[in-house]
Amino acid sequence: MSQPTRIAVDPKALGAACTLKAAALLVEAEHLTEARALYQRILARYPGSEWSYYVGQGKEALANLSTSAPAVLAFHTDRVVHH
């Protein structure tokens, strides 16, 4: 009887990949604060060079998140602006 093929999975790499996916889903759902926190967690938890792929993905996503974040407008009702 032949042995089944065994595949090794690195739990830390799986955690990083799942965190990136969860953050991407939060962006799609417009939960930008939570997504930003997950991307920042990738940068903090995976500092070594062996994790550079995941860190690079997190940095790129954060940069895209910064450029796509909705603008916040403040109105001052005590001022009148004349055009």
Protein backbone atom coordinates (compact mmCIF):
# COMPACT_ATOMS: atom_id res chain seq x y z
CA MET A 1 0.00 0.00 0.00
CA SER A 2 1.43 3.40 -0.92
CA GLN A 3 1.68 6.28 1.50
CA PRO A 4 -0.59 9.31 0.88
CA THR A 5 1.07 12.52 -0.20
CA ARG A 6 1.80 14.72 2.77
CA ILE A 7 1.83 18.47 2.55
CA ALA A 8 3.39 20.61 5.24
CA VAL A 9 1.71 23.85 6.19
CA ASP A 10 3.42 26.61 8.12
CA PRO A 11 0.85 27.82 10.68
CA LYS A 12 2.42 31.28 10.92
CA ALA A 13 2.31 31.73 7.13
CA LEU A 14 -1.28 30.52 7.11
CA GLY A 15 -2.10 33.07 9.82
CA ALA A 16 -0.54 35.87 7.79
CA ALA A 17 -2.40 34.85 4.63
CA CYS A 18 -5.71 34.60 6.49
CA THR A 19 -5.16 38.00 8.12
CA LEU A 20 -4.53 39.59 4.73
CA LYS A 21 -7.68 37.97 3.34
CA ALA A 22 -9.78 39.07 6.32
CA ALA A 23 -8.52 42.63 5.93
CA ALA A 24 -9.37 42.60 2.22
CA LEU A 25 -12.90 41.43 3.03
CA LEU A 26 -13.24 44.23 5.58
CA VAL A 27 -12.22 46.75 2.92
CA GLU A 28 -14.91 45.38 0.60
CA ALA A 29 -17.45 45.75 3.42
CA GLU A 30 -16.21 49.33 3.98
CA HIS A 31 -14.93 48.61 7.50
CA LEU A 32 -11.75 50.57 6.85
CA THR A 33 -10.67 51.11 10.45
CA GLU A 34 -10.75 47.38 11.17
CA ALA A 35 -9.01 46.57 7.88
CA ARG A 36 -6.27 49.09 8.63
CA ALA A 37 -5.73 47.49 12.06
CA LEU A 38 -5.31 44.03 10.51
CA TYR A 39 -2.85 45.28 7.89
CA GLN A 40 -0.85 47.02 10.61
CA ARG A 41 -0.88 43.81 12.63
CA ILE A 42 0.83 42.05 9.70
CA LEU A 43 3.62 44.64 9.76
CA ALA A 44 4.07 44.26 13.52
CA ARG A 45 3.87 40.48 13.84
CA TYR A 46 5.98 39.45 10.84
CA PRO A 47 9.15 41.58 10.99
CA GLY A 48 11.66 39.03 9.64
CA SER A 49 12.86 38.83 6.07
CA GLU A 50 11.24 35.40 5.65
CA TRP A 51 7.88 37.18 5.91
CA SER A 52 8.69 39.94 3.41
CA TYR A 53 5.99 38.75 0.99
CA TYR A 54 3.25 39.20 3.59
CA VAL A 55 4.69 42.48 4.87
CA GLY A 56 4.89 43.77 1.30
CA GLN A 57 1.26 42.84 0.71
CA GLY A 58 0.26 44.58 3.92
CA LYS A 59 2.21 47.75 3.06
CA GLU A 60 0.73 47.88 -0.43
CA ALA A 61 -2.78 47.41 0.92
CA LEU A 62 -2.26 50.14 3.52
CA ALA A 63 -1.05 52.52 0.83
CA ASN A 64 -4.08 51.75 -1.31
CA LEU A 65 -6.33 52.12 1.69
CA SER A 66 -4.92 55.57 2.41
CA THR A 67 -5.62 56.75 -1.13
CA SER A 68 -9.11 55.28 -1.26
CA ALA A 69 -10.32 56.34 2.17
CA PRO A 70 -13.43 58.51 2.04
CA ALA A 71 -12.99 62.21 2.62
CA VAL A 72 -14.39 63.74 5.78
CA LEU A 73 -15.92 67.17 5.45
CA ALA A 74 -16.47 69.56 8.32
CA PHE A 75 -19.07 72.30 8.13
CA HIS A 76 -18.99 75.41 10.26
CA THR A 77 -22.52 76.78 10.54
CA ASP A 78 -21.34 80.02 12.11
CA ARG A 79 -19.55 81.12 8.93
CA VAL A 80 -20.97 82.42 5.70
CA VAL A 81 -18.94 81.94 2.55
CA HIS A 82 -19.59 84.40 -0.28
CA HIS A 83 -18.75 83.37 -3.83
